[in-house]
Amino acid sequence: MPSCPECENNLDIEVDEVEEGDVVACEECGTEFEVVGVEPLELSRVEDDYDEEENELFEKEEEDE
């Protein structure tokens, strides 16, 4: 069973039930991971794009003032 790279908790993932592009979350810390490979299982942390976009908009508004 794979473990979360952030908190080392076991991830409840059925390898034969996930496909590339699926997003899974750690039940312990809430970190989300995208499945980028299934044989072997490879996970990539999902970046929080919403916060980055929000910060960019805030910075642009400050520049305009």
C-alpha atoms as a PDB file:
ATOM      1  CA  MET A   1       0.000   0.000   0.000  1.00  0.00           C
ATOM      2  CA  PRO A   2       1.452   3.385  -0.978  1.00  0.00           C
ATOM      3  CA  SER A   3       2.069   6.013   1.673  1.00  0.00           C
ATOM      4  CA  CYS A   4       1.551   9.776   1.615  1.00  0.00           C
ATOM      5  CA  PRO A   5       4.831  11.634   0.975  1.00  0.00           C
ATOM      6  CA  GLU A   6       3.612  14.489   3.204  1.00  0.00           C
ATOM      7  CA  CYS A   7       2.545  12.676   6.388  1.00  0.00           C
ATOM      8  CA  GLU A   8       3.573   9.047   5.669  1.00  0.00           C
ATOM      9  CA  ASN A   9       0.016   7.817   6.332  1.00  0.00           C
ATOM     10  CA  ASN A  10      -1.047   4.815   4.249  1.00  0.00           C
ATOM     11  CA  LEU A  11      -3.087   5.885   1.220  1.00  0.00           C
ATOM     12  CA  ASP A  12      -6.224   3.811   0.695  1.00  0.00           C
ATOM     13  CA  ILE A  13      -5.766   3.314  -3.056  1.00  0.00           C
ATOM     14  CA  GLU A  14      -6.814   0.236  -4.985  1.00  0.00           C
ATOM     15  CA  VAL A  15      -4.178   0.201  -7.731  1.00  0.00           C
ATOM     16  CA  ASP A  16      -6.404  -1.805 -10.077  1.00  0.00           C
ATOM     17  CA  GLU A  17      -9.258   0.719  -9.660  1.00  0.00           C
ATOM     18  CA  VAL A  18      -7.392   3.965 -10.518  1.00  0.00           C
ATOM     19  CA  GLU A  19      -6.434   5.360 -13.904  1.00  0.00           C
ATOM     20  CA  GLU A  20      -3.962   8.001 -14.997  1.00  0.00           C
ATOM     21  CA  GLY A  21      -5.423  11.447 -14.347  1.00  0.00           C
ATOM     22  CA  ASP A  22      -7.458  10.400 -11.295  1.00  0.00           C
ATOM     23  CA  VAL A  23      -7.038  12.540  -8.187  1.00  0.00           C
ATOM     24  CA  VAL A  24      -6.764  10.890  -4.775  1.00  0.00           C
ATOM     25  CA  ALA A  25      -6.499  12.550  -1.370  1.00  0.00           C
ATOM     26  CA  CYS A  26      -4.781  11.534   1.834  1.00  0.00           C
ATOM     27  CA  GLU A  27      -7.394  10.958   4.524  1.00  0.00           C
ATOM     28  CA  GLU A  28      -4.958  12.108   7.226  1.00  0.00           C
ATOM     29  CA  CYS A  29      -3.583  15.424   5.923  1.00  0.00           C
ATOM     30  CA  GLY A  30      -5.893  16.153   2.966  1.00  0.00           C
ATOM     31  CA  THR A  31      -3.078  16.522   0.414  1.00  0.00           C
ATOM     32  CA  GLU A  32      -4.291  15.707  -3.097  1.00  0.00           C
ATOM     33  CA  PHE A  33      -2.293  13.651  -5.582  1.00  0.00           C
ATOM     34  CA  GLU A  34      -2.828  12.995  -9.281  1.00  0.00           C
ATOM     35  CA  VAL A  35      -2.179   9.487 -10.555  1.00  0.00           C
ATOM     36  CA  VAL A  36       0.479   9.925 -13.258  1.00  0.00           C
ATOM     37  CA  GLY A  37       1.276   6.231 -13.692  1.00  0.00           C
ATOM     38  CA  VAL A  38      -0.373   2.978 -12.734  1.00  0.00           C
ATOM     39  CA  GLU A  39       2.288   0.318 -13.325  1.00  0.00           C
ATOM     40  CA  PRO A  40       4.091   1.099 -11.115  1.00  0.00           C
ATOM     41  CA  LEU A  41       1.847   3.508  -9.240  1.00  0.00           C
ATOM     42  CA  GLU A  42       3.178   7.057  -9.520  1.00  0.00           C
ATOM     43  CA  LEU A  43       1.630  10.045  -7.778  1.00  0.00           C
ATOM     44  CA  SER A  44       2.218  13.761  -8.287  1.00  0.00           C
ATOM     45  CA  ARG A  45       1.087  16.350  -5.770  1.00  0.00           C
ATOM     46  CA  VAL A  46      -1.734  18.532  -7.067  1.00  0.00           C
ATOM     47  CA  GLU A  47      -0.769  22.196  -6.803  1.00  0.00           C
ATOM     48  CA  ASP A  48      -3.367  24.626  -5.522  1.00  0.00           C
ATOM     49  CA  ASP A  49      -3.796  26.728  -8.687  1.00  0.00           C
ATOM     50  CA  TYR A  50      -6.716  28.681  -7.202  1.00  0.00           C
ATOM     51  CA  ASP A  51      -4.559  30.301  -4.522  1.00  0.00           C
ATOM     52  CA  GLU A  52      -1.845  31.188  -7.027  1.00  0.00           C
ATOM     53  CA  GLU A  53      -4.357  32.836  -9.378  1.00  0.00           C
ATOM     54  CA  GLU A  54      -5.928  34.715  -6.478  1.00  0.00           C
ATOM     55  CA  ASN A  55      -2.514  36.011  -5.367  1.00  0.00           C
ATOM     56  CA  GLU A  56      -1.670  37.123  -8.918  1.00  0.00           C
ATOM     57  CA  LEU A  57      -4.923  39.089  -9.124  1.00  0.00           C
ATOM     58  CA  PHE A  58      -4.281  40.694  -5.735  1.00  0.00           C
ATOM     59  CA  GLU A  59      -0.748  41.698  -6.745  1.00  0.00           C
ATOM     60  CA  LYS A  60      -2.020  43.180 -10.027  1.00  0.00           C
ATOM     61  CA  GLU A  61      -4.634  45.249  -8.166  1.00  0.00           C
ATOM     62  CA  GLU A  62      -1.920  46.614  -5.861  1.00  0.00           C
ATOM     63  CA  GLU A  63       0.204  47.612  -8.880  1.00  0.00           C
ATOM     64  CA  ASP A  64      -2.745  49.449 -10.453  1.00  0.00           C
ATOM     65  CA  GLU A  65      -3.275  51.617  -7.358  1.00  0.00           C
END
